[in-house]
């Protein structure tokens, strides 16, 4: 019995259980629906912010509050645009002739990159507007009389904690997406 060294080498690696194409397609469909649902919630949040802060830009008494509110409105539009441009959901039907593994990997990479850069494209645009509103709140004599300084510091702490939590959660999901990308790479032997 003669052993072919090339065949022995090729079969010596770990055998990977390749999922059925239908399973890969089902996961791609589920991921599409999750991204679409997330984006709809984000767009709704942007609409809420635009409505609330547009009103504040006209009714708040101090000029810094008005400018900060207008900045927040602009930030909400920017975030919605970035989400649409960099993170819109692409239906698996759009893959056409592209192999489903390649399509799924492309979409995972796209969403991972969006989440990894969440600070620059989602959090940072709001910071100047929020800072101006908070500074304007400190300059408003009526607000200063009725809202103690410790409550204003607590509000700032809440904002920082919320942004930190959003960043952390998105990094966590980005790591999960990277694991799925690595699984596809291991199955396809690419990248």
N, C-alpha and C. Protein backbone atom coordinates (compact mmCIF):
# COMPACT_ATOMS: atom_id res chain seq x y z
N UNK A 1 0.85 -1.17 0.00
CA UNK A 1 0.00 0.00 0.00
C UNK A 1 0.90 1.24 0.00
N UNK A 2 0.73 2.09 -1.00
CA UNK A 2 1.53 3.31 -1.12
C UNK A 2 0.69 4.49 -0.67
N UNK A 3 1.32 5.33 0.13
CA UNK A 3 0.65 6.56 0.58
C UNK A 3 1.11 7.72 -0.26
N UNK A 4 0.15 8.45 -0.73
CA UNK A 4 0.47 9.67 -1.46
C UNK A 4 0.71 10.77 -0.43
N UNK A 5 1.96 11.31 -0.35
CA UNK A 5 2.24 12.33 0.68
C UNK A 5 1.35 13.56 0.56
N UNK A 6 1.04 13.97 -0.67
CA UNK A 6 0.20 15.15 -0.86
C UNK A 6 -1.20 14.90 -0.29
N UNK A 7 -1.76 13.72 -0.60
CA UNK A 7 -3.10 13.39 -0.10
C UNK A 7 -3.09 13.28 1.43
N UNK A 8 -2.05 12.66 1.98
CA UNK A 8 -1.95 12.52 3.44
C UNK A 8 -1.87 13.88 4.10
N UNK A 9 -1.12 14.79 3.49
CA UNK A 9 -0.98 16.13 4.06
C UNK A 9 -2.31 16.89 4.01
N UNK A 10 -3.00 16.79 2.87
CA UNK A 10 -4.26 17.50 2.69
C UNK A 10 -5.34 16.99 3.64
N UNK A 11 -5.34 15.72 3.94
CA UNK A 11 -6.38 15.16 4.80
C UNK A 11 -5.98 15.14 6.27
N UNK A 12 -4.78 15.60 6.58
CA UNK A 12 -4.32 15.55 7.97
C UNK A 12 -4.91 16.66 8.83
N UNK A 13 -5.40 17.72 8.23
CA UNK A 13 -5.96 18.84 8.99
C UNK A 13 -7.28 18.46 9.63
N UNK A 14 -7.75 19.34 10.47
CA UNK A 14 -9.04 19.10 11.12
C UNK A 14 -10.15 19.15 10.08
N UNK A 15 -11.08 18.28 10.23
CA UNK A 15 -12.24 18.28 9.33
C UNK A 15 -13.23 19.31 9.86
N UNK A 16 -13.62 20.22 9.00
CA UNK A 16 -14.60 21.23 9.39
C UNK A 16 -15.98 20.78 8.97
N UNK A 17 -16.93 20.94 9.85
CA UNK A 17 -18.31 20.66 9.49
C UNK A 17 -18.83 21.86 8.73
N UNK A 18 -19.01 21.71 7.45
CA UNK A 18 -19.49 22.80 6.63
C UNK A 18 -21.01 22.84 6.73
N UNK A 19 -21.54 23.96 7.17
CA UNK A 19 -23.01 24.03 7.29
C UNK A 19 -23.66 23.98 5.91
N UNK A 20 -24.87 23.49 5.89
CA UNK A 20 -25.62 23.42 4.64
C UNK A 20 -25.87 24.83 4.12
N UNK A 21 -25.96 24.93 2.82
CA UNK A 21 -26.19 26.23 2.19
C UNK A 21 -27.48 26.86 2.70
N UNK A 22 -28.50 26.06 2.93
CA UNK A 22 -29.78 26.58 3.44
C UNK A 22 -29.60 27.19 4.83
N UNK A 23 -28.73 26.58 5.64
CA UNK A 23 -28.47 27.13 6.98
C UNK A 23 -27.74 28.47 6.89
N UNK A 24 -26.78 28.55 6.00
CA UNK A 24 -26.05 29.82 5.81
C UNK A 24 -27.01 30.88 5.32
N UNK A 25 -27.87 30.52 4.40
CA UNK A 25 -28.85 31.46 3.86
C UNK A 25 -29.81 31.92 4.96
N UNK A 26 -30.26 31.00 5.81
CA UNK A 26 -31.17 31.35 6.90
C UNK A 26 -30.50 32.32 7.87
N UNK A 27 -29.23 32.07 8.17
CA UNK A 27 -28.50 32.99 9.06
C UNK A 27 -28.32 34.36 8.42
N UNK A 28 -28.08 34.39 7.13
CA UNK A 28 -27.93 35.67 6.42
C UNK A 28 -29.25 36.43 6.44
N UNK A 29 -30.37 35.72 6.25
CA UNK A 29 -31.69 36.35 6.32
C UNK A 29 -31.96 36.91 7.71
N UNK A 30 -31.62 36.13 8.75
CA UNK A 30 -31.83 36.58 10.13
C UNK A 30 -30.98 37.80 10.43
N UNK A 31 -29.73 37.80 10.00
CA UNK A 31 -28.84 38.94 10.22
C UNK A 31 -29.39 40.19 9.52
N UNK A 32 -29.89 40.02 8.30
CA UNK A 32 -30.49 41.12 7.56
C UNK A 32 -31.65 41.73 8.35
N UNK A 33 -32.52 40.88 8.88
CA UNK A 33 -33.67 41.37 9.65
C UNK A 33 -33.22 42.09 10.92
N UNK A 34 -32.19 41.57 11.60
CA UNK A 34 -31.67 42.21 12.81
C UNK A 34 -31.11 43.59 12.50
N UNK A 35 -30.33 43.70 11.45
CA UNK A 35 -29.73 44.99 11.07
C UNK A 35 -30.83 45.97 10.67
N UNK A 36 -31.79 45.48 9.93
CA UNK A 36 -32.90 46.35 9.51
C UNK A 36 -33.70 46.87 10.71
N UNK A 37 -33.98 45.98 11.66
CA UNK A 37 -34.72 46.37 12.87
C UNK A 37 -33.91 47.39 13.68
N UNK A 38 -32.60 47.13 13.85
CA UNK A 38 -31.74 48.06 14.58
C UNK A 38 -31.75 49.43 13.91
N UNK A 39 -31.61 49.45 12.59
CA UNK A 39 -31.58 50.72 11.88
C UNK A 39 -32.89 51.48 12.01
N UNK A 40 -34.02 50.78 11.94
CA UNK A 40 -35.31 51.45 12.10
C UNK A 40 -35.43 52.08 13.48
N UNK A 41 -34.94 51.39 14.51
CA UNK A 41 -34.97 51.97 15.87
C UNK A 41 -34.05 53.18 15.95
N UNK A 42 -32.90 53.11 15.33
CA UNK A 42 -31.97 54.24 15.34
C UNK A 42 -32.56 55.44 14.59
N UNK A 43 -33.19 55.18 13.46
CA UNK A 43 -33.83 56.27 12.71
C UNK A 43 -34.95 56.91 13.53
N UNK A 44 -35.73 56.08 14.23
CA UNK A 44 -36.80 56.61 15.07
C UNK A 44 -36.22 57.47 16.19
N UNK A 45 -35.11 57.03 16.78
CA UNK A 45 -34.45 57.82 17.83
C UNK A 45 -33.96 59.15 17.26
N UNK A 46 -33.43 59.12 16.05
CA UNK A 46 -32.98 60.37 15.42
C UNK A 46 -34.15 61.32 15.19
N UNK A 47 -35.28 60.80 14.76
CA UNK A 47 -36.47 61.64 14.55
C UNK A 47 -36.89 62.27 15.88
N UNK A 48 -36.90 61.48 16.95
CA UNK A 48 -37.26 62.00 18.27
C UNK A 48 -36.30 63.12 18.68
N UNK A 49 -35.00 62.90 18.51
CA UNK A 49 -34.00 63.91 18.88
C UNK A 49 -34.18 65.17 18.05
N UNK A 50 -34.42 65.02 16.75
CA UNK A 50 -34.61 66.18 15.88
C UNK A 50 -35.82 66.99 16.33
N UNK A 51 -36.93 66.32 16.63
CA UNK A 51 -38.14 67.04 17.05
C UNK A 51 -37.91 67.75 18.39
N UNK A 52 -37.38 67.02 19.37
CA UNK A 52 -37.18 67.60 20.70
C UNK A 52 -36.19 68.75 20.67
N UNK A 53 -35.07 68.55 20.01
CA UNK A 53 -34.03 69.58 20.03
C UNK A 53 -34.35 70.75 19.10
N UNK A 54 -35.12 70.51 18.05
CA UNK A 54 -35.56 71.63 17.19
C UNK A 54 -36.43 72.58 18.01
N UNK A 55 -37.30 72.02 18.79
CA UNK A 55 -38.14 72.83 19.68
C UNK A 55 -37.27 73.59 20.67
N UNK A 56 -36.30 72.89 21.29
CA UNK A 56 -35.41 73.53 22.26
C UNK A 56 -34.61 74.66 21.66
N UNK A 57 -34.24 74.55 20.40
CA UNK A 57 -33.45 75.60 19.75
C UNK A 57 -34.23 76.91 19.69
N UNK A 58 -35.55 76.84 19.79
CA UNK A 58 -36.36 78.06 19.75
C UNK A 58 -36.85 78.51 21.12
N UNK A 59 -37.05 77.58 22.05
CA UNK A 59 -37.67 77.98 23.32
C UNK A 59 -36.70 78.13 24.48
N UNK A 60 -35.53 77.52 24.43
CA UNK A 60 -34.59 77.69 25.54
C UNK A 60 -34.09 79.12 25.58
N UNK A 61 -33.87 79.66 26.78
CA UNK A 61 -33.58 81.09 26.88
C UNK A 61 -32.15 81.51 26.51
N UNK A 62 -31.16 80.71 26.78
CA UNK A 62 -29.77 81.14 26.58
C UNK A 62 -29.28 80.77 25.17
N UNK A 63 -28.47 81.64 24.58
CA UNK A 63 -27.99 81.43 23.21
C UNK A 63 -27.17 80.14 23.09
N UNK A 64 -26.39 79.78 24.12
CA UNK A 64 -25.61 78.54 24.06
C UNK A 64 -26.53 77.31 24.06
N UNK A 65 -27.65 77.41 24.78
CA UNK A 65 -28.61 76.32 24.75
C UNK A 65 -29.21 76.16 23.36
N UNK A 66 -29.51 77.28 22.72
CA UNK A 66 -30.08 77.26 21.38
C UNK A 66 -29.09 76.69 20.36
N UNK A 67 -27.85 77.17 20.42
CA UNK A 67 -26.82 76.70 19.49
C UNK A 67 -26.54 75.20 19.73
N UNK A 68 -26.45 74.82 21.00
CA UNK A 68 -26.22 73.41 21.34
C UNK A 68 -27.34 72.52 20.84
N UNK A 69 -28.57 72.98 20.99
CA UNK A 69 -29.72 72.20 20.50
C UNK A 69 -29.68 72.06 18.98
N UNK A 70 -29.35 73.15 18.29
CA UNK A 70 -29.23 73.09 16.83
C UNK A 70 -28.10 72.13 16.42
N UNK A 71 -27.01 72.14 17.18
CA UNK A 71 -25.89 71.24 16.89
C UNK A 71 -26.34 69.78 17.04
N UNK A 72 -27.11 69.51 18.09
CA UNK A 72 -27.61 68.15 18.32
C UNK A 72 -28.52 67.70 17.18
N UNK A 73 -29.34 68.62 16.66
CA UNK A 73 -30.18 68.30 15.51
C UNK A 73 -29.31 67.93 14.31
N UNK A 74 -28.27 68.74 14.06
CA UNK A 74 -27.36 68.44 12.95
C UNK A 74 -26.66 67.10 13.17
N UNK A 75 -26.28 66.82 14.41
CA UNK A 75 -25.62 65.55 14.73
C UNK A 75 -26.56 64.37 14.46
N UNK A 76 -27.83 64.52 14.79
CA UNK A 76 -28.80 63.44 14.54
C UNK A 76 -28.94 63.17 13.05
N UNK A 77 -28.97 64.22 12.24
CA UNK A 77 -29.02 64.02 10.78
C UNK A 77 -27.75 63.34 10.28
N UNK A 78 -26.61 63.77 10.81
CA UNK A 78 -25.32 63.17 10.41
C UNK A 78 -25.28 61.69 10.78
N UNK A 79 -25.71 61.36 11.98
CA UNK A 79 -25.70 59.97 12.44
C UNK A 79 -26.63 59.12 11.56
N UNK A 80 -27.81 59.63 11.26
CA UNK A 80 -28.74 58.88 10.40
C UNK A 80 -28.13 58.67 9.01
N UNK A 81 -27.47 59.69 8.49
CA UNK A 81 -26.83 59.57 7.18
C UNK A 81 -25.71 58.53 7.21
N UNK A 82 -24.87 58.58 8.27
CA UNK A 82 -23.78 57.61 8.41
C UNK A 82 -24.33 56.18 8.54
N UNK A 83 -25.38 56.03 9.31
CA UNK A 83 -25.98 54.71 9.47
C UNK A 83 -26.50 54.19 8.14
N UNK A 84 -27.14 55.06 7.37
CA UNK A 84 -27.64 54.65 6.07
C UNK A 84 -26.48 54.32 5.12
N UNK A 85 -25.47 55.15 5.11
CA UNK A 85 -24.35 54.99 4.18
C UNK A 85 -23.47 53.79 4.52
N UNK A 86 -23.18 53.61 5.80
CA UNK A 86 -22.21 52.60 6.21
C UNK A 86 -22.82 51.36 6.83
N UNK A 87 -24.09 51.43 7.25
CA UNK A 87 -24.66 50.29 7.97
C UNK A 87 -26.03 49.86 7.53
N UNK A 88 -26.44 50.28 6.34
CA UNK A 88 -27.78 49.87 5.89
C UNK A 88 -27.82 48.36 5.68
N UNK A 89 -28.99 47.81 5.88
CA UNK A 89 -29.19 46.37 5.72
C UNK A 89 -29.26 46.05 4.23
N UNK A 90 -28.54 45.01 3.82
CA UNK A 90 -28.56 44.56 2.43
C UNK A 90 -29.16 43.16 2.41
N UNK A 91 -30.26 43.02 1.71
CA UNK A 91 -30.96 41.74 1.65
C UNK A 91 -30.11 40.70 0.93
N UNK A 92 -30.14 39.44 1.40
CA UNK A 92 -29.37 38.38 0.73
C UNK A 92 -29.75 38.21 -0.75
N UNK A 93 -30.94 38.61 -1.13
CA UNK A 93 -31.35 38.51 -2.53
C UNK A 93 -30.45 39.37 -3.43
N UNK A 94 -29.83 40.39 -2.85
CA UNK A 94 -28.96 41.29 -3.61
C UNK A 94 -27.64 40.61 -3.97
N UNK A 95 -27.37 39.45 -3.40
CA UNK A 95 -26.11 38.76 -3.67
C UNK A 95 -26.03 38.30 -5.12
N UNK A 96 -27.16 38.04 -5.73
CA UNK A 96 -27.29 37.59 -7.11
C UNK A 96 -26.32 36.44 -7.40
N UNK A 97 -25.20 36.70 -8.07
CA UNK A 97 -24.27 35.64 -8.46
C UNK A 97 -23.16 35.43 -7.43
N UNK A 98 -23.12 36.26 -6.40
CA UNK A 98 -22.08 36.15 -5.39
C UNK A 98 -22.35 34.95 -4.48
N UNK A 99 -21.35 34.14 -4.19
CA UNK A 99 -21.56 33.02 -3.26
C UNK A 99 -22.06 33.54 -1.90
N UNK A 100 -22.97 32.83 -1.29
CA UNK A 100 -23.60 33.29 -0.05
C UNK A 100 -22.58 33.47 1.07
N UNK A 101 -21.55 32.65 1.11
CA UNK A 101 -20.51 32.82 2.13
C UNK A 101 -19.82 34.17 1.98
N UNK A 102 -19.50 34.51 0.76
CA UNK A 102 -18.81 35.79 0.50
C UNK A 102 -19.75 36.95 0.83
N UNK A 103 -21.01 36.82 0.42
CA UNK A 103 -21.99 37.87 0.73
C UNK A 103 -22.14 38.04 2.24
N UNK A 104 -22.31 36.92 2.96
CA UNK A 104 -22.49 36.99 4.42
C UNK A 104 -21.27 37.62 5.07
N UNK A 105 -20.09 37.23 4.64
CA UNK A 105 -18.86 37.78 5.21
C UNK A 105 -18.78 39.29 4.95
N UNK A 106 -19.11 39.70 3.74
CA UNK A 106 -19.07 41.13 3.40
C UNK A 106 -19.99 41.94 4.30
N UNK A 107 -21.19 41.41 4.55
CA UNK A 107 -22.13 42.14 5.40
C UNK A 107 -21.68 42.16 6.86
N UNK A 108 -21.11 41.06 7.32
CA UNK A 108 -20.59 41.02 8.69
C UNK A 108 -19.45 42.02 8.86
N UNK A 109 -18.55 42.08 7.89
CA UNK A 109 -17.43 43.03 7.96
C UNK A 109 -17.95 44.46 7.97
N UNK A 110 -18.92 44.72 7.15
CA UNK A 110 -19.51 46.07 7.06
C UNK A 110 -20.09 46.51 8.40
N UNK A 111 -20.87 45.63 9.02
CA UNK A 111 -21.48 45.97 10.31
C UNK A 111 -20.43 46.02 11.42
N UNK A 112 -19.47 45.12 11.39
CA UNK A 112 -18.39 45.15 12.39
C UNK A 112 -17.65 46.48 12.34
N UNK A 113 -17.31 46.93 11.13
CA UNK A 113 -16.59 48.19 10.99
C UNK A 113 -17.42 49.37 11.48
N UNK A 114 -18.71 49.35 11.21
CA UNK A 114 -19.59 50.40 11.72
C UNK A 114 -19.56 50.44 13.24
N UNK A 115 -19.68 49.28 13.87
CA UNK A 115 -19.72 49.21 15.32
C UNK A 115 -18.37 49.55 15.96
N UNK A 116 -17.30 49.14 15.34
CA UNK A 116 -15.97 49.46 15.87
C UNK A 116 -15.72 50.96 15.89
N UNK A 117 -16.29 51.67 14.93
CA UNK A 117 -16.08 53.12 14.82
C UNK A 117 -17.23 53.93 15.37
N UNK A 118 -17.95 53.34 16.31
CA UNK A 118 -19.15 53.98 16.85
C UNK A 118 -18.85 55.32 17.54
N UNK A 119 -17.68 55.43 18.13
CA UNK A 119 -17.35 56.69 18.81
C UNK A 119 -17.29 57.83 17.80
N UNK A 120 -16.58 57.61 16.68
CA UNK A 120 -16.37 58.69 15.70
C UNK A 120 -17.64 59.03 14.93
N UNK A 121 -18.44 58.07 14.60
CA UNK A 121 -19.59 58.33 13.75
C UNK A 121 -20.92 58.48 14.46
N UNK A 122 -20.94 58.17 15.77
CA UNK A 122 -22.23 58.15 16.48
C UNK A 122 -22.18 58.97 17.76
N UNK A 123 -21.12 58.86 18.53
CA UNK A 123 -21.06 59.52 19.83
C UNK A 123 -20.47 60.92 19.70
N UNK A 124 -19.30 61.02 19.07
CA UNK A 124 -18.59 62.30 18.97
C UNK A 124 -19.43 63.43 18.37
N UNK A 125 -20.23 63.19 17.33
CA UNK A 125 -21.01 64.31 16.77
C UNK A 125 -21.95 64.98 17.79
N UNK A 126 -22.38 64.26 18.81
CA UNK A 126 -23.31 64.83 19.79
C UNK A 126 -22.60 65.62 20.91
N UNK A 127 -21.34 65.32 21.15
CA UNK A 127 -20.65 65.89 22.32
C UNK A 127 -20.59 67.42 22.30
N UNK A 128 -20.21 68.08 21.19
CA UNK A 128 -20.18 69.55 21.24
C UNK A 128 -21.55 70.18 21.54
N UNK A 129 -22.60 69.64 20.94
CA UNK A 129 -23.94 70.18 21.19
C UNK A 129 -24.36 70.00 22.63
N UNK A 130 -24.12 68.82 23.18
CA UNK A 130 -24.46 68.57 24.58
C UNK A 130 -23.65 69.48 25.50
N UNK A 131 -22.36 69.67 25.18
CA UNK A 131 -21.52 70.56 26.00
C UNK A 131 -22.06 71.98 25.98
N UNK A 132 -22.46 72.45 24.81
CA UNK A 132 -23.00 73.81 24.73
C UNK A 132 -24.31 73.94 25.52
N UNK A 133 -25.16 72.94 25.43
CA UNK A 133 -26.41 72.98 26.19
C UNK A 133 -26.11 73.01 27.69
N UNK A 134 -25.20 72.16 28.13
CA UNK A 134 -24.87 72.12 29.56
C UNK A 134 -24.23 73.43 30.03
N UNK A 135 -23.35 74.01 29.23
CA UNK A 135 -22.76 75.30 29.59
C UNK A 135 -23.84 76.37 29.62
N UNK A 136 -24.72 76.34 28.61
CA UNK A 136 -25.83 77.30 28.59
C UNK A 136 -26.75 77.14 29.78
N UNK A 137 -26.95 75.88 30.22
CA UNK A 137 -27.77 75.64 31.42
C UNK A 137 -27.15 76.32 32.63
N UNK A 138 -25.83 76.28 32.72
CA UNK A 138 -25.13 76.93 33.84
C UNK A 138 -25.22 78.45 33.77
N UNK A 139 -25.41 78.99 32.58
CA UNK A 139 -25.50 80.43 32.40
C UNK A 139 -26.93 80.96 32.57
N UNK A 140 -27.88 80.07 32.56
CA UNK A 140 -29.29 80.45 32.69
C UNK A 140 -29.61 80.71 34.16
N UNK A 141 -29.86 81.99 34.55
CA UNK A 141 -30.08 82.29 35.97
C UNK A 141 -31.31 81.59 36.56
N UNK A 142 -32.35 81.44 35.78
CA UNK A 142 -33.57 80.78 36.26
C UNK A 142 -33.29 79.32 36.58
N UNK A 143 -32.61 78.63 35.66
CA UNK A 143 -32.28 77.22 35.85
C UNK A 143 -31.30 77.06 37.01
N UNK A 144 -30.32 77.96 37.09
CA UNK A 144 -29.33 77.89 38.16
C UNK A 144 -29.97 78.04 39.54
N UNK A 145 -31.02 78.82 39.61
CA UNK A 145 -31.71 79.04 40.88
C UNK A 145 -32.47 77.80 41.34
N UNK A 146 -33.03 77.06 40.37
CA UNK A 146 -33.91 75.94 40.71
C UNK A 146 -33.26 74.56 40.63
N UNK A 147 -32.13 74.47 39.95
CA UNK A 147 -31.46 73.17 39.81
C UNK A 147 -30.09 73.25 40.47
N UNK A 148 -29.93 72.56 41.59
CA UNK A 148 -28.63 72.62 42.28
C UNK A 148 -27.49 72.09 41.41
N UNK A 149 -26.29 72.52 41.69
CA UNK A 149 -25.12 72.16 40.91
C UNK A 149 -24.90 70.65 40.91
N UNK A 150 -25.19 69.99 42.04
CA UNK A 150 -24.96 68.55 42.08
C UNK A 150 -25.86 67.81 41.11
N UNK A 151 -27.05 68.33 40.86
CA UNK A 151 -27.95 67.69 39.89
C UNK A 151 -27.43 67.87 38.47
N UNK A 152 -26.81 69.02 38.21
CA UNK A 152 -26.23 69.24 36.88
C UNK A 152 -25.03 68.31 36.66
N UNK A 153 -24.23 68.10 37.72
CA UNK A 153 -23.10 67.18 37.61
C UNK A 153 -23.60 65.74 37.44
N UNK A 154 -24.70 65.42 38.10
CA UNK A 154 -25.27 64.08 37.93
C UNK A 154 -25.75 63.88 36.49
N UNK A 155 -26.35 64.91 35.90
CA UNK A 155 -26.80 64.83 34.51
C UNK A 155 -25.60 64.58 33.58
N UNK A 156 -24.50 65.30 33.84
CA UNK A 156 -23.30 65.10 33.05
C UNK A 156 -22.76 63.67 33.23
N UNK A 157 -22.76 63.19 34.46
CA UNK A 157 -22.31 61.83 34.72
C UNK A 157 -23.18 60.80 34.02
N UNK A 158 -24.48 61.04 33.98
CA UNK A 158 -25.40 60.14 33.29
C UNK A 158 -25.09 60.11 31.79
N UNK A 159 -24.84 61.27 31.21
CA UNK A 159 -24.53 61.35 29.77
C UNK A 159 -23.24 60.58 29.47
N UNK A 160 -22.21 60.80 30.30
CA UNK A 160 -20.94 60.10 30.10
C UNK A 160 -21.14 58.59 30.25
N UNK A 161 -21.89 58.18 31.26
CA UNK A 161 -22.15 56.75 31.47
C UNK A 161 -22.93 56.16 30.30
N UNK A 162 -23.91 56.89 29.80
CA UNK A 162 -24.71 56.39 28.67
C UNK A 162 -23.84 56.23 27.43
N UNK A 163 -23.02 57.22 27.13
CA UNK A 163 -22.14 57.12 25.96
C UNK A 163 -21.13 55.99 26.13
N UNK A 164 -20.59 55.84 27.33
CA UNK A 164 -19.64 54.77 27.59
C UNK A 164 -20.32 53.41 27.42
N UNK A 165 -21.53 53.28 27.92
CA UNK A 165 -22.28 52.03 27.77
C UNK A 165 -22.58 51.71 26.32
N UNK A 166 -22.97 52.71 25.55
CA UNK A 166 -23.24 52.51 24.12
C UNK A 166 -21.96 52.05 23.42
N UNK A 167 -20.84 52.71 23.72
CA UNK A 167 -19.57 52.34 23.10
C UNK A 167 -19.21 50.90 23.47
N UNK A 168 -19.30 50.55 24.75
CA UNK A 168 -18.92 49.22 25.22
C UNK A 168 -19.79 48.14 24.58
N UNK A 169 -21.09 48.34 24.56
CA UNK A 169 -21.99 47.35 23.96
C UNK A 169 -21.69 47.14 22.47
N UNK A 170 -21.42 48.23 21.78
CA UNK A 170 -21.12 48.11 20.36
C UNK A 170 -19.79 47.40 20.11
N UNK A 171 -18.81 47.62 20.97
CA UNK A 171 -17.53 46.91 20.84
C UNK A 171 -17.73 45.42 21.09
N UNK A 172 -18.59 45.11 22.03
CA UNK A 172 -18.88 43.71 22.34
C UNK A 172 -19.52 43.00 21.14
N UNK A 173 -20.49 43.66 20.53
CA UNK A 173 -21.14 43.08 19.35
C UNK A 173 -20.15 42.99 18.19
N UNK A 174 -19.28 43.98 18.05
CA UNK A 174 -18.27 43.93 16.98
C UNK A 174 -17.35 42.72 17.16
N UNK A 175 -17.00 42.39 18.40
CA UNK A 175 -16.17 41.21 18.65
C UNK A 175 -16.92 39.92 18.26
N UNK A 176 -18.23 39.87 18.55
CA UNK A 176 -19.03 38.70 18.16
C UNK A 176 -19.07 38.57 16.63
N UNK A 177 -19.25 39.69 15.96
CA UNK A 177 -19.26 39.65 14.50
C UNK A 177 -17.91 39.19 13.96
N UNK A 178 -16.83 39.63 14.62
CA UNK A 178 -15.50 39.20 14.18
C UNK A 178 -15.34 37.69 14.31
N UNK A 179 -15.90 37.12 15.38
CA UNK A 179 -15.83 35.66 15.53
C UNK A 179 -16.57 34.95 14.40
N UNK A 180 -17.71 35.50 13.99
CA UNK A 180 -18.46 34.90 12.88
C UNK A 180 -17.68 35.05 11.57
N UNK A 181 -17.00 36.17 11.39
CA UNK A 181 -16.16 36.37 10.21
C UNK A 181 -15.04 35.34 10.21
N UNK A 182 -14.43 35.14 11.37
CA UNK A 182 -13.34 34.15 11.48
C UNK A 182 -13.84 32.74 11.16
N UNK A 183 -15.06 32.43 11.58
CA UNK A 183 -15.63 31.11 11.27
C UNK A 183 -15.79 30.93 9.76
N UNK A 184 -16.28 31.95 9.09
CA UNK A 184 -16.43 31.87 7.63
C UNK A 184 -15.07 31.73 6.97
N UNK A 185 -14.10 32.50 7.46
CA UNK A 185 -12.75 32.40 6.90
C UNK A 185 -12.17 31.00 7.08
N UNK A 186 -12.42 30.39 8.24
CA UNK A 186 -11.92 29.04 8.49
C UNK A 186 -12.59 28.02 7.55
N UNK A 187 -13.87 28.23 7.29
CA UNK A 187 -14.60 27.32 6.40
C UNK A 187 -14.17 27.46 4.95
N UNK A 188 -13.95 28.68 4.54
CA UNK A 188 -13.64 28.92 3.13
C UNK A 188 -12.15 28.87 2.85
N UNK A 189 -11.34 28.96 3.90
CA UNK A 189 -9.89 28.97 3.70
C UNK A 189 -9.38 30.26 3.09
N UNK A 190 -10.16 31.31 3.23
CA UNK A 190 -9.79 32.61 2.65
C UNK A 190 -9.34 33.55 3.75
N UNK A 191 -8.76 34.64 3.34
CA UNK A 191 -8.34 35.78 4.18
C UNK A 191 -7.35 35.36 5.17
